[in-house]
Amino acid sequence: MLPRIVRHPDLLVWWNDDGPVVRNLESGVTLSGDRLAVEVLASFDHPREPSARASARIRGKTRLLRRLGFLIPEAEARRKRSRIAAWKENVASALHHSASKDLRYVPLGRAAEDFVRKRLPARRPPLLKRYRDAARVALPAPAAGVADLDSVLVSRRTVREFGRQPVSLADFSAVIGGTFGRTGSHDGGLFGTLLTKTSPSAGSLHPIECYVLAWNVEGLAPGLYHFDVGAGDLRRLRRGRFRAQAMRAASGQAWVGRAAFLCVMTAVIGRSLWKYQDEVTYRTLFLDAGHLAQTFCLLATSRGLGPFTTAAIQDSYVETLLDLDGASEFPVYLCGAGSTAKRRSEP
């Protein structure tokens, strides 16, 4: 009697122009364009013995799938913890997590330089985004901070209760400029001149852009703005009180509208893909946004403001609001602040 076999619990199947693609999330092995393989795998949805009466073609395909680890013994399948099950059937996240694991890096030296020269696209995306035709709004140079780092770290809290008084333009400028502004540049060798900021970024590529919806900042007309990293000021995209739009962007969280302004962080994916042309690039976008958000919260706290962050984003609405295509640029994180009320709350 032959041992019973079953398909691996972490196989994903999708179709492209060449036909079906099957990937094993555990091993990363991928099989493309093999329709018969998909048929054979489907026949082993439940444990069973391979049929001795199957055609030579089917038997050969079964052996191949066993060798690739797509078909495994029933006992082994029972011992495995399915990644798809562990991710609560969140297939997209499970696929990304698997695809971005254990990437191989070329050691520094001549081999690395040759590798980079062959892969690096000749045309480099712009280091920053600019709305040159939009009205420019200058930001004042921030005064020196008044709190030491230790006390700021201890005091930082997520705030959801705000006072009615407006945030001063000086404090607003210190927080926005200190978080998203450039602090200088450095020579990146083969990668040319790169920017430096107060937060780290994968490859110093800084793919995150900042849009501001402001409605209660003293000395700043309510409206929608983009922070111009190159000039260190704002570009006004639209006038108007964007309090309601801010709440909708944050999935209806009413307390967001009681703050003074909301920052929408977006990612310009091409800026990162120019250097990192693999699945791990997507992961770095959110790491970059997290670094910036922490810097934002600490700067706001040092100025006596109440900061917050939220990932509850209505992506499609924000893309329409900011006139983004949702493919080359898309929202990744929200942060904002307001004047503090007497009580603070943290969820």
C-alpha atoms as a PDB file:
ATOM      1  CA  MET A   1       0.000   0.000   0.000  1.00  0.00           C
ATOM      2  CA  LEU A   2       1.332   3.430  -0.981  1.00  0.00           C
ATOM      3  CA  PRO A   3       1.395   6.193   1.663  1.00  0.00           C
ATOM      4  CA  ARG A   4      -1.378   8.755   1.365  1.00  0.00           C
ATOM      5  CA  ILE A   5      -0.326  12.189   0.181  1.00  0.00           C
ATOM      6  CA  VAL A   6      -2.025  15.587   0.110  1.00  0.00           C
ATOM      7  CA  ARG A   7      -1.251  19.010  -1.295  1.00  0.00           C
ATOM      8  CA  HIS A   8       0.827  21.338   0.876  1.00  0.00           C
ATOM      9  CA  PRO A   9      -1.485  23.564   3.007  1.00  0.00           C
ATOM     10  CA  ASP A  10       0.295  26.767   1.952  1.00  0.00           C
ATOM     11  CA  LEU A  11      -0.007  26.684  -1.818  1.00  0.00           C
ATOM     12  CA  LEU A  12      -1.292  29.735  -3.670  1.00  0.00           C
ATOM     13  CA  VAL A  13      -2.469  29.607  -7.281  1.00  0.00           C
ATOM     14  CA  TRP A  14      -3.064  32.545  -9.604  1.00  0.00           C
ATOM     15  CA  TRP A  15      -3.085  33.149 -13.330  1.00  0.00           C
ATOM     16  CA  ASN A  16      -1.034  35.408 -15.593  1.00  0.00           C
ATOM     17  CA  ASP A  17      -0.575  35.637 -19.361  1.00  0.00           C
ATOM     18  CA  ASP A  18       1.422  32.399 -19.390  1.00  0.00           C
ATOM     19  CA  GLY A  19      -1.155  30.410 -17.441  1.00  0.00           C
ATOM     20  CA  PRO A  20      -1.330  29.284 -13.802  1.00  0.00           C
ATOM     21  CA  VAL A  21       1.336  30.126 -11.224  1.00  0.00           C
ATOM     22  CA  VAL A  22       1.693  27.995  -8.081  1.00  0.00           C
ATOM     23  CA  ARG A  23       3.796  29.174  -5.141  1.00  0.00           C
ATOM     24  CA  ASN A  24       4.698  27.339  -1.961  1.00  0.00           C
ATOM     25  CA  LEU A  25       4.683  29.968   0.799  1.00  0.00           C
ATOM     26  CA  GLU A  26       6.871  27.826   3.036  1.00  0.00           C
ATOM     27  CA  SER A  27       9.725  27.199   0.596  1.00  0.00           C
ATOM     28  CA  GLY A  28       9.170  30.028  -1.886  1.00  0.00           C
ATOM     29  CA  VAL A  29       9.336  27.547  -4.778  1.00  0.00           C
ATOM     30  CA  THR A  30       7.221  28.683  -7.736  1.00  0.00           C
ATOM     31  CA  LEU A  31       5.909  26.690 -10.694  1.00  0.00           C
ATOM     32  CA  SER A  32       4.644  28.636 -13.722  1.00  0.00           C
ATOM     33  CA  GLY A  33       2.558  27.777 -16.758  1.00  0.00           C
ATOM     34  CA  ASP A  34       1.850  24.147 -15.789  1.00  0.00           C
ATOM     35  CA  ARG A  35      -1.885  23.525 -16.128  1.00  0.00           C
ATOM     36  CA  LEU A  36      -1.550  19.792 -15.520  1.00  0.00           C
ATOM     37  CA  ALA A  37       0.187  20.461 -12.213  1.00  0.00           C
ATOM     38  CA  VAL A  38      -2.847  22.476 -11.037  1.00  0.00           C
ATOM     39  CA  GLU A  39      -5.175  19.638 -12.019  1.00  0.00           C
ATOM     40  CA  VAL A  40      -3.076  17.083 -10.157  1.00  0.00           C
ATOM     41  CA  LEU A  41      -2.855  19.289  -7.056  1.00  0.00           C
ATOM     42  CA  ALA A  42      -6.643  19.719  -7.081  1.00  0.00           C
ATOM     43  CA  SER A  43      -7.037  15.949  -7.060  1.00  0.00           C
ATOM     44  CA  PHE A  44      -5.085  15.835  -3.790  1.00  0.00           C
ATOM     45  CA  ASP A  45      -7.181  18.372  -1.893  1.00  0.00           C
ATOM     46  CA  HIS A  46      -7.803  15.520   0.546  1.00  0.00           C
ATOM     47  CA  PRO A  47      -5.306  12.812   1.513  1.00  0.00           C
ATOM     48  CA  ARG A  48      -5.336   9.776  -0.769  1.00  0.00           C
ATOM     49  CA  GLU A  49      -3.032   7.216  -2.318  1.00  0.00           C
ATOM     50  CA  PRO A  50      -1.550   7.950  -5.736  1.00  0.00           C
ATOM     51  CA  SER A  51      -3.370   5.863  -8.308  1.00  0.00           C
ATOM     52  CA  ALA A  52      -1.269   3.072  -9.819  1.00  0.00           C
ATOM     53  CA  ARG A  53      -3.653   3.082 -12.787  1.00  0.00           C
ATOM     54  CA  ALA A  54      -3.064   6.750 -13.637  1.00  0.00           C
ATOM     55  CA  SER A  55      -1.403   7.590 -16.943  1.00  0.00           C
ATOM     56  CA  ALA A  56       2.359   7.810 -17.135  1.00  0.00           C
ATOM     57  CA  ARG A  57       1.977  11.578 -17.591  1.00  0.00           C
ATOM     58  CA  ILE A  58      -0.031  11.938 -14.368  1.00  0.00           C
ATOM     59  CA  ARG A  59       2.346   9.694 -12.430  1.00  0.00           C
ATOM     60  CA  GLY A  60       5.336  11.707 -13.657  1.00  0.00           C
ATOM     61  CA  LYS A  61       3.683  14.982 -12.687  1.00  0.00           C
ATOM     62  CA  THR A  62       2.835  13.579  -9.256  1.00  0.00           C
ATOM     63  CA  ARG A  63       6.475  12.635  -8.695  1.00  0.00           C
ATOM     64  CA  LEU A  64       7.573  16.136  -9.731  1.00  0.00           C
ATOM     65  CA  LEU A  65       5.134  17.771  -7.318  1.00  0.00           C
ATOM     66  CA  ARG A  66       6.330  15.534  -4.500  1.00  0.00           C
ATOM     67  CA  ARG A  67       9.940  16.409  -5.265  1.00  0.00           C
ATOM     68  CA  LEU A  68       9.090  20.145  -5.196  1.00  0.00           C
ATOM     69  CA  GLY A  69       7.275  19.781  -1.867  1.00  0.00           C
ATOM     70  CA  PHE A  70       3.877  20.668  -3.352  1.00  0.00           C
ATOM     71  CA  LEU A  71       2.555  17.222  -2.424  1.00  0.00           C
ATOM     72  CA  ILE A  72       3.546  15.854   0.991  1.00  0.00           C
ATOM     73  CA  PRO A  73       2.743  12.801   3.140  1.00  0.00           C
ATOM     74  CA  GLU A  74      -0.486  13.021   5.141  1.00  0.00           C
ATOM     75  CA  ALA A  75       1.358  12.738   8.459  1.00  0.00           C
ATOM     76  CA  GLU A  76       3.652  15.642   7.585  1.00  0.00           C
ATOM     77  CA  ALA A  77       0.688  17.797   6.576  1.00  0.00           C
ATOM     78  CA  ARG A  78      -0.963  17.208   9.963  1.00  0.00           C
ATOM     79  CA  ARG A  79       2.168  18.474  11.734  1.00  0.00           C
ATOM     80  CA  LYS A  80       2.424  21.680   9.728  1.00  0.00           C
ATOM     81  CA  ARG A  81       1.085  25.013  10.932  1.00  0.00           C
ATOM     82  CA  SER A  82      -0.467  26.628   7.890  1.00  0.00           C
ATOM     83  CA  ARG A  83       0.767  30.155   7.267  1.00  0.00           C
ATOM     84  CA  ILE A  84      -2.483  31.049   5.565  1.00  0.00           C
ATOM     85  CA  ALA A  85      -4.450  29.813   8.574  1.00  0.00           C
ATOM     86  CA  ALA A  86      -2.120  31.661  10.969  1.00  0.00           C
ATOM     87  CA  TRP A  87      -2.781  34.862   9.025  1.00  0.00           C
ATOM     88  CA  LYS A  88      -6.551  34.306   9.375  1.00  0.00           C
ATOM     89  CA  GLU A  89      -6.988  33.708   5.613  1.00  0.00           C
ATOM     90  CA  ASN A  90      -5.358  37.092   4.905  1.00  0.00           C
ATOM     91  CA  VAL A  91      -3.760  35.719   1.765  1.00  0.00           C
ATOM     92  CA  ALA A  92      -2.263  38.983   0.473  1.00  0.00           C
ATOM     93  CA  SER A  93      -0.370  39.601   3.722  1.00  0.00           C
ATOM     94  CA  ALA A  94       0.773  35.996   3.956  1.00  0.00           C
ATOM     95  CA  LEU A  95       2.060  36.124   0.388  1.00  0.00           C
ATOM     96  CA  HIS A  96       3.946  39.365   0.939  1.00  0.00           C
ATOM     97  CA  HIS A  97       5.463  38.132   4.194  1.00  0.00           C
ATOM     98  CA  SER A  98       6.673  34.967   2.508  1.00  0.00           C
ATOM     99  CA  ALA A  99       7.907  36.673  -0.659  1.00  0.00           C
ATOM    100  CA  SER A 100       9.969  39.261   1.242  1.00  0.00           C
ATOM    101  CA  LYS A 101      11.754  36.803   3.565  1.00  0.00           C
ATOM    102  CA  ASP A 102      15.379  35.724   3.380  1.00  0.00           C
ATOM    103  CA  LEU A 103      16.442  37.909   0.476  1.00  0.00           C
ATOM    104  CA  ARG A 104      20.056  37.414  -0.525  1.00  0.00           C
ATOM    105  CA  TYR A 105      22.343  40.447  -0.418  1.00  0.00           C
ATOM    106  CA  VAL A 106      25.531  40.856  -2.421  1.00  0.00           C
ATOM    107  CA  PRO A 107      28.630  41.413  -0.200  1.00  0.00           C
ATOM    108  CA  LEU A 108      30.209  44.846  -0.480  1.00  0.00           C
ATOM    109  CA  GLY A 109      33.029  45.164  -2.993  1.00  0.00           C
ATOM    110  CA  ARG A 110      33.575  44.995  -6.725  1.00  0.00           C
ATOM    111  CA  ALA A 111      30.933  42.290  -7.202  1.00  0.00           C
ATOM    112  CA  ALA A 112      28.327  44.499  -5.519  1.00  0.00           C
ATOM    113  CA  GLU A 113      29.237  47.485  -7.712  1.00  0.00           C
ATOM    114  CA  ASP A 114      28.970  45.390 -10.869  1.00  0.00           C
ATOM    115  CA  PHE A 115      25.620  44.016  -9.701  1.00  0.00           C
ATOM    116  CA  VAL A 116      24.273  47.504  -9.029  1.00  0.00           C
ATOM    117  CA  ARG A 117      25.461  48.904 -12.378  1.00  0.00           C
ATOM    118  CA  LYS A 118      23.682  46.124 -14.260  1.00  0.00           C
ATOM    119  CA  ARG A 119      20.399  46.524 -12.380  1.00  0.00           C
ATOM    120  CA  LEU A 120      20.186  50.235 -11.666  1.00  0.00           C
ATOM    121  CA  PRO A 121      17.879  52.002 -14.161  1.00  0.00           C
ATOM    122  CA  ALA A 122      19.650  54.793 -16.021  1.00  0.00           C
ATOM    123  CA  ARG A 123      16.876  57.263 -15.293  1.00  0.00           C
ATOM    124  CA  ARG A 124      16.591  58.169 -11.636  1.00  0.00           C
ATOM    125  CA  PRO A 125      13.219  59.267 -10.234  1.00  0.00           C
ATOM    126  CA  PRO A 126      13.124  62.757  -8.654  1.00  0.00           C
ATOM    127  CA  LEU A 127      14.284  62.804  -5.037  1.00  0.00           C
ATOM    128  CA  LEU A 128      11.230  64.809  -4.004  1.00  0.00           C
ATOM    129  CA  LYS A 129       7.859  65.943  -5.291  1.00  0.00           C
ATOM    130  CA  ARG A 130       7.127  69.583  -6.081  1.00  0.00           C
ATOM    131  CA  TYR A 131       4.029  71.581  -7.004  1.00  0.00           C
ATOM    132  CA  ARG A 132       5.897  74.467  -8.555  1.00  0.00           C
ATOM    133  CA  ASP A 133       2.777  76.260  -9.816  1.00  0.00           C
ATOM    134  CA  ALA A 134       0.961  76.139  -6.456  1.00  0.00           C
ATOM    135  CA  ALA A 135       0.936  79.153  -4.138  1.00  0.00           C
ATOM    136  CA  ARG A 136       3.925  79.135  -1.823  1.00  0.00           C
ATOM    137  CA  VAL A 137       3.418  79.576   1.923  1.00  0.00           C
ATOM    138  CA  ALA A 138       6.640  80.257   3.818  1.00  0.00           C
ATOM    139  CA  LEU A 139       7.134  78.659   7.212  1.00  0.00           C
ATOM    140  CA  PRO A 140       8.986  80.493  10.011  1.00  0.00           C
ATOM    141  CA  ALA A 141      12.287  79.124  11.224  1.00  0.00           C
ATOM    142  CA  PRO A 142      11.563  77.189  14.431  1.00  0.00           C
ATOM    143  CA  ALA A 143      12.938  78.422  17.721  1.00  0.00           C
ATOM    144  CA  ALA A 144      15.056  76.082  19.818  1.00  0.00           C
ATOM    145  CA  GLY A 145      13.219  73.311  21.607  1.00  0.00           C
ATOM    146  CA  VAL A 146      12.337  73.746  25.260  1.00  0.00           C
ATOM    147  CA  ALA A 147      12.247  70.147  26.527  1.00  0.00           C
ATOM    148  CA  ASP A 148      14.997  67.568  26.939  1.00  0.00           C
ATOM    149  CA  LEU A 149      14.713  64.236  25.136  1.00  0.00           C
ATOM    150  CA  ASP A 150      14.206  62.123  28.249  1.00  0.00           C
ATOM    151  CA  SER A 151      11.191  64.114  29.411  1.00  0.00           C
ATOM    152  CA  VAL A 152       9.746  64.132  25.884  1.00  0.00           C
ATOM    153  CA  LEU A 153      10.038  60.353  25.604  1.00  0.00           C
ATOM    154  CA  VAL A 154       8.311  59.865  28.944  1.00  0.00           C
ATOM    155  CA  SER A 155       5.595  62.415  28.145  1.00  0.00           C
ATOM    156  CA  ARG A 156       4.692  61.130  24.668  1.00  0.00           C
ATOM    157  CA  ARG A 157       1.118  59.862  24.543  1.00  0.00           C
ATOM    158  CA  THR A 158      -1.510  59.319  21.876  1.00  0.00           C
ATOM    159  CA  VAL A 159      -3.949  62.202  22.369  1.00  0.00           C
ATOM    160  CA  ARG A 160      -7.598  62.176  21.380  1.00  0.00           C
ATOM    161  CA  GLU A 161      -8.900  65.116  23.393  1.00  0.00           C
ATOM    162  CA  PHE A 162      -7.916  68.591  22.243  1.00  0.00           C
ATOM    163  CA  GLY A 163      -8.346  72.189  23.289  1.00  0.00           C
ATOM    164  CA  ARG A 164     -10.028  74.764  21.078  1.00  0.00           C
ATOM    165  CA  GLN A 165      -7.106  77.167  20.884  1.00  0.00           C
ATOM    166  CA  PRO A 166      -5.236  77.123  17.560  1.00  0.00           C
ATOM    167  CA  VAL A 167      -1.762  75.713  17.157  1.00  0.00           C
ATOM    168  CA  SER A 168       0.781  78.461  16.593  1.00  0.00           C
ATOM    169  CA  LEU A 169       2.446  78.688  13.211  1.00  0.00           C
ATOM    170  CA  ALA A 170       5.855  78.440  14.912  1.00  0.00           C
ATOM    171  CA  ASP A 171       4.959  75.137  16.575  1.00  0.00           C
ATOM    172  CA  PHE A 172       3.355  73.824  13.399  1.00  0.00           C
ATOM    173  CA  SER A 173       6.466  74.741  11.412  1.00  0.00           C
ATOM    174  CA  ALA A 174       8.773  73.091  13.945  1.00  0.00           C
ATOM    175  CA  VAL A 175       6.829  69.830  13.846  1.00  0.00           C
ATOM    176  CA  ILE A 176       6.296  69.627  10.067  1.00  0.00           C
ATOM    177  CA  GLY A 177       9.734  70.883   9.107  1.00  0.00           C
ATOM    178  CA  GLY A 178      11.482  68.866  11.787  1.00  0.00           C
ATOM    179  CA  THR A 179       9.744  65.673  10.704  1.00  0.00           C
ATOM    180  CA  PHE A 180       9.638  65.903   6.917  1.00  0.00           C
ATOM    181  CA  GLY A 181      12.251  68.543   6.064  1.00  0.00           C
ATOM    182  CA  ARG A 182      15.743  67.865   4.783  1.00  0.00           C
ATOM    183  CA  THR A 183      18.730  68.322   7.057  1.00  0.00           C
ATOM    184  CA  GLY A 184      21.346  68.038   4.317  1.00  0.00           C
ATOM    185  CA  SER A 185      22.661  65.670   1.676  1.00  0.00           C
ATOM    186  CA  HIS A 186      25.441  63.145   1.235  1.00  0.00           C
ATOM    187  CA  ASP A 187      27.297  61.332  -1.516  1.00  0.00           C
ATOM    188  CA  GLY A 188      25.696  57.958  -2.197  1.00  0.00           C
ATOM    189  CA  GLY A 189      28.408  56.766  -4.574  1.00  0.00           C
ATOM    190  CA  LEU A 190      26.797  54.893  -7.453  1.00  0.00           C
ATOM    191  CA  PHE A 191      23.428  56.199  -6.286  1.00  0.00           C
ATOM    192  CA  GLY A 192      24.386  59.863  -6.554  1.00  0.00           C
ATOM    193  CA  THR A 193      23.486  62.629  -4.142  1.00  0.00           C
ATOM    194  CA  LEU A 194      21.013  61.559  -1.460  1.00  0.00           C
ATOM    195  CA  LEU A 195      19.027  63.537   1.093  1.00  0.00           C
ATOM    196  CA  THR A 196      19.292  63.323   4.857  1.00  0.00           C
ATOM    197  CA  LYS A 197      16.426  63.878   7.285  1.00  0.00           C
ATOM    198  CA  THR A 198      15.864  63.506  11.013  1.00  0.00           C
ATOM    199  CA  SER A 199      14.455  59.982  10.471  1.00  0.00           C
ATOM    200  CA  PRO A 200      16.217  57.073   8.758  1.00  0.00           C
ATOM    201  CA  SER A 201      15.064  55.787   5.387  1.00  0.00           C
ATOM    202  CA  ALA A 202      15.912  52.637   3.438  1.00  0.00           C
ATOM    203  CA  GLY A 203      18.755  53.548   1.102  1.00  0.00           C
ATOM    204  CA  SER A 204      18.323  57.251   1.998  1.00  0.00           C
ATOM    205  CA  LEU A 205      15.642  57.344  -0.709  1.00  0.00           C
ATOM    206  CA  HIS A 206      12.928  58.957   1.454  1.00  0.00           C
ATOM    207  CA  PRO A 207       9.853  57.880  -0.546  1.00  0.00           C
ATOM    208  CA  ILE A 208       7.354  59.429   1.896  1.00  0.00           C
ATOM    209  CA  GLU A 209       5.607  62.690   0.990  1.00  0.00           C
ATOM    210  CA  CYS A 210       3.539  64.819   3.374  1.00  0.00           C
ATOM    211  CA  TYR A 211       0.191  66.468   2.611  1.00  0.00           C
ATOM    212  CA  VAL A 212      -1.407  68.636   5.303  1.00  0.00           C
ATOM    213  CA  LEU A 213      -5.095  69.289   5.917  1.00  0.00           C
ATOM    214  CA  ALA A 214      -5.073  72.315   8.217  1.00  0.00           C
ATOM    215  CA  TRP A 215      -8.053  74.054   9.796  1.00  0.00           C
ATOM    216  CA  ASN A 216      -6.917  75.440  13.159  1.00  0.00           C
ATOM    217  CA  VAL A 217      -3.345  76.719  12.771  1.00  0.00           C
ATOM    218  CA  GLU A 218      -2.843  80.369  13.687  1.00  0.00           C
ATOM    219  CA  GLY A 219      -1.515  82.380  10.751  1.00  0.00           C
ATOM    220  CA  LEU A 220      -2.180  79.631   8.213  1.00  0.00           C
ATOM    221  CA  ALA A 221      -5.263  79.862   6.015  1.00  0.00           C
ATOM    222  CA  PRO A 222      -7.351  76.667   6.246  1.00  0.00           C
ATOM    223  CA  GLY A 223      -6.704  74.426   3.280  1.00  0.00           C
ATOM    224  CA  LEU A 224      -4.954  71.487   1.729  1.00  0.00           C
ATOM    225  CA  TYR A 225      -1.178  71.786   1.448  1.00  0.00           C
ATOM    226  CA  HIS A 226       1.844  69.806   0.287  1.00  0.00           C
ATOM    227  CA  PHE A 227       5.131  70.114   2.158  1.00  0.00           C
ATOM    228  CA  ASP A 228       7.846  71.049  -0.319  1.00  0.00           C
ATOM    229  CA  VAL A 229      11.004  69.329   0.926  1.00  0.00           C
ATOM    230  CA  GLY A 230      13.209  71.177  -1.551  1.00  0.00           C
ATOM    231  CA  ALA A 231      12.132  74.639  -0.412  1.00  0.00           C
ATOM    232  CA  GLY A 232      11.205  73.807   3.189  1.00  0.00           C
ATOM    233  CA  ASP A 233       7.798  75.456   2.892  1.00  0.00           C
ATOM    234  CA  LEU A 234       4.190  74.663   1.985  1.00  0.00           C
ATOM    235  CA  ARG A 235       2.442  74.729  -1.362  1.00  0.00           C
ATOM    236  CA  ARG A 236      -1.263  75.445  -1.115  1.00  0.00           C
ATOM    237  CA  LEU A 237      -3.228  73.073  -3.316  1.00  0.00           C
ATOM    238  CA  ARG A 238      -6.729  74.150  -2.262  1.00  0.00           C
ATOM    239  CA  ARG A 239      -8.384  76.578   0.121  1.00  0.00           C
ATOM    240  CA  GLY A 240     -11.142  75.573   2.512  1.00  0.00           C
ATOM    241  CA  ARG A 241     -11.775  74.014   5.888  1.00  0.00           C
ATOM    242  CA  PHE A 242     -10.859  70.365   5.536  1.00  0.00           C
ATOM    243  CA  ARG A 243     -11.992  69.195   8.967  1.00  0.00           C
ATOM    244  CA  ALA A 244     -14.772  66.982   7.575  1.00  0.00           C
ATOM    245  CA  GLN A 245     -12.464  65.567   4.898  1.00  0.00           C
ATOM    246  CA  ALA A 246      -9.857  64.770   7.554  1.00  0.00           C
ATOM    247  CA  MET A 247     -12.384  62.781   9.576  1.00  0.00           C
ATOM    248  CA  ARG A 248     -13.548  60.909   6.492  1.00  0.00           C
ATOM    249  CA  ALA A 249      -9.943  60.168   5.490  1.00  0.00           C
ATOM    250  CA  ALA A 250      -9.469  58.673   8.974  1.00  0.00           C
ATOM    251  CA  SER A 251     -12.484  56.373   8.572  1.00  0.00           C
ATOM    252  CA  GLY A 252     -14.936  58.631  10.394  1.00  0.00           C
ATOM    253  CA  GLN A 253     -13.008  59.062  13.643  1.00  0.00           C
ATOM    254  CA  ALA A 254     -14.681  62.219  14.959  1.00  0.00           C
ATOM    255  CA  TRP A 255     -11.906  63.117  17.403  1.00  0.00           C
ATOM    256  CA  VAL A 256      -9.570  63.773  14.440  1.00  0.00           C
ATOM    257  CA  GLY A 257     -11.726  66.778  13.564  1.00  0.00           C
ATOM    258  CA  ARG A 258     -11.156  68.256  17.032  1.00  0.00           C
ATOM    259  CA  ALA A 259      -7.397  68.475  16.401  1.00  0.00           C
ATOM    260  CA  ALA A 260      -5.803  71.332  14.446  1.00  0.00           C
ATOM    261  CA  PHE A 261      -4.344  69.567  11.415  1.00  0.00           C
ATOM    262  CA  LEU A 262      -3.880  66.167   9.845  1.00  0.00           C
ATOM    263  CA  CYS A 263      -0.854  64.958   7.871  1.00  0.00           C
ATOM    264  CA  VAL A 264      -1.302  62.329   5.185  1.00  0.00           C
ATOM    265  CA  MET A 265       1.867  60.379   4.475  1.00  0.00           C
ATOM    266  CA  THR A 266       2.008  58.977   0.968  1.00  0.00           C
ATOM    267  CA  ALA A 267       4.601  56.700  -0.614  1.00  0.00           C
ATOM    268  CA  VAL A 268       6.128  57.333  -4.049  1.00  0.00           C
ATOM    269  CA  ILE A 269       6.989  53.716  -4.803  1.00  0.00           C
ATOM    270  CA  GLY A 270       9.185  54.420  -7.853  1.00  0.00           C
ATOM    271  CA  ARG A 271      11.667  56.284  -5.676  1.00  0.00           C
ATOM    272  CA  SER A 272      12.383  53.079  -3.750  1.00  0.00           C
ATOM    273  CA  LEU A 273      12.047  50.663  -6.665  1.00  0.00           C
ATOM    274  CA  TRP A 274      14.804  52.523  -8.481  1.00  0.00           C
ATOM    275  CA  LYS A 275      17.260  50.812  -6.091  1.00  0.00           C
ATOM    276  CA  TYR A 276      15.310  47.995  -4.423  1.00  0.00           C
ATOM    277  CA  GLN A 277      13.559  45.997  -7.137  1.00  0.00           C
ATOM    278  CA  ASP A 278      12.095  43.195  -5.058  1.00  0.00           C
ATOM    279  CA  GLU A 279       9.226  42.387  -2.710  1.00  0.00           C
ATOM    280  CA  VAL A 280      10.937  43.723   0.405  1.00  0.00           C
ATOM    281  CA  THR A 281      10.553  47.262  -0.979  1.00  0.00           C
ATOM    282  CA  TYR A 282       6.889  47.376   0.040  1.00  0.00           C
ATOM    283  CA  ARG A 283       7.867  46.555   3.613  1.00  0.00           C
ATOM    284  CA  THR A 284      10.335  49.443   3.767  1.00  0.00           C
ATOM    285  CA  LEU A 285       7.652  52.008   2.905  1.00  0.00           C
ATOM    286  CA  PHE A 286       5.796  51.357   6.150  1.00  0.00           C
ATOM    287  CA  LEU A 287       9.019  51.203   8.159  1.00  0.00           C
ATOM    288  CA  ASP A 288       9.909  54.644   6.807  1.00  0.00           C
ATOM    289  CA  ALA A 289       6.448  55.964   7.686  1.00  0.00           C
ATOM    290  CA  GLY A 290       6.779  54.570  11.210  1.00  0.00           C
ATOM    291  CA  HIS A 291      10.113  56.308  11.739  1.00  0.00           C
ATOM    292  CA  LEU A 292       8.596  59.605  10.611  1.00  0.00           C
ATOM    293  CA  ALA A 293       5.527  59.163  12.783  1.00  0.00           C
ATOM    294  CA  GLN A 294       7.623  58.682  15.918  1.00  0.00           C
ATOM    295  CA  THR A 295       9.669  61.768  15.102  1.00  0.00           C
ATOM    296  CA  PHE A 296       6.420  63.691  14.523  1.00  0.00           C
ATOM    297  CA  CYS A 297       4.999  62.597  17.896  1.00  0.00           C
ATOM    298  CA  LEU A 298       8.167  63.503  19.804  1.00  0.00           C
ATOM    299  CA  LEU A 299       8.444  66.920  18.173  1.00  0.00           C
ATOM    300  CA  ALA A 300       4.760  67.664  18.834  1.00  0.00           C
ATOM    301  CA  THR A 301       5.154  66.580  22.450  1.00  0.00           C
ATOM    302  CA  SER A 302       8.225  68.807  22.872  1.00  0.00           C
ATOM    303  CA  ARG A 303       6.099  71.758  21.731  1.00  0.00           C
ATOM    304  CA  GLY A 304       3.301  70.981  24.178  1.00  0.00           C
ATOM    305  CA  LEU A 305       0.969  69.694  21.461  1.00  0.00           C
ATOM    306  CA  GLY A 306      -1.120  66.547  21.547  1.00  0.00           C
ATOM    307  CA  PRO A 307      -0.073  64.164  18.738  1.00  0.00           C
ATOM    308  CA  PHE A 308      -1.741  61.082  17.309  1.00  0.00           C
ATOM    309  CA  THR A 309      -1.275  58.527  14.550  1.00  0.00           C
ATOM    310  CA  THR A 310      -3.746  56.200  12.856  1.00  0.00           C
ATOM    311  CA  ALA A 311      -3.612  53.613  10.106  1.00  0.00           C
ATOM    312  CA  ALA A 312      -7.394  53.628   9.680  1.00  0.00           C
ATOM    313  CA  ILE A 313      -7.160  55.152   6.212  1.00  0.00           C
ATOM    314  CA  GLN A 314      -9.870  55.309   3.574  1.00  0.00           C
ATOM    315  CA  ASP A 315      -7.353  54.793   0.787  1.00  0.00           C
ATOM    316  CA  SER A 316      -9.526  55.399  -2.266  1.00  0.00           C
ATOM    317  CA  TYR A 317     -11.080  58.522  -0.752  1.00  0.00           C
ATOM    318  CA  VAL A 318      -7.663  59.954   0.123  1.00  0.00           C
ATOM    319  CA  GLU A 319      -6.331  59.175  -3.347  1.00  0.00           C
ATOM    320  CA  THR A 320      -9.227  61.117  -4.878  1.00  0.00           C
ATOM    321  CA  LEU A 321      -8.847  63.961  -2.381  1.00  0.00           C
ATOM    322  CA  LEU A 322      -5.133  64.354  -3.117  1.00  0.00           C
ATOM    323  CA  ASP A 323      -5.410  63.534  -6.832  1.00  0.00           C
ATOM    324  CA  LEU A 324      -3.161  60.468  -6.576  1.00  0.00           C
ATOM    325  CA  ASP A 325      -3.242  57.587  -9.039  1.00  0.00           C
ATOM    326  CA  GLY A 326      -3.120  54.969  -6.249  1.00  0.00           C
ATOM    327  CA  ALA A 327      -0.430  53.009  -8.113  1.00  0.00           C
ATOM    328  CA  SER A 328       2.721  55.129  -8.290  1.00  0.00           C
ATOM    329  CA  GLU A 329       1.725  57.089  -5.155  1.00  0.00           C
ATOM    330  CA  PHE A 330      -0.652  56.020  -2.389  1.00  0.00           C
ATOM    331  CA  PRO A 331      -1.393  56.797   1.299  1.00  0.00           C
ATOM    332  CA  VAL A 332       0.355  54.757   4.001  1.00  0.00           C
ATOM    333  CA  TYR A 333      -0.170  56.537   7.350  1.00  0.00           C
ATOM    334  CA  LEU A 334      -1.910  59.458   9.059  1.00  0.00           C
ATOM    335  CA  CYS A 335      -0.637  61.672  11.868  1.00  0.00           C
ATOM    336  CA  GLY A 336      -1.795  64.936  13.325  1.00  0.00           C
ATOM    337  CA  ALA A 337      -1.897  67.152  16.385  1.00  0.00           C
ATOM    338  CA  GLY A 338      -3.813  69.830  18.222  1.00  0.00           C
ATOM    339  CA  SER A 339      -3.544  71.933  21.322  1.00  0.00           C
ATOM    340  CA  THR A 340      -3.845  69.870  24.467  1.00  0.00           C
ATOM    341  CA  ALA A 341      -6.931  69.714  26.652  1.00  0.00           C
ATOM    342  CA  LYS A 342      -6.801  69.260  30.395  1.00  0.00           C
ATOM    343  CA  ARG A 343      -7.118  65.497  30.102  1.00  0.00           C
ATOM    344  CA  ARG A 344      -5.225  63.174  27.805  1.00  0.00           C
ATOM    345  CA  SER A 345      -6.375  59.771  26.722  1.00  0.00           C
ATOM    346  CA  GLU A 346      -4.580  56.835  25.238  1.00  0.00           C
ATOM    347  CA  PRO A 347      -6.459  53.841  23.838  1.00  0.00           C
END
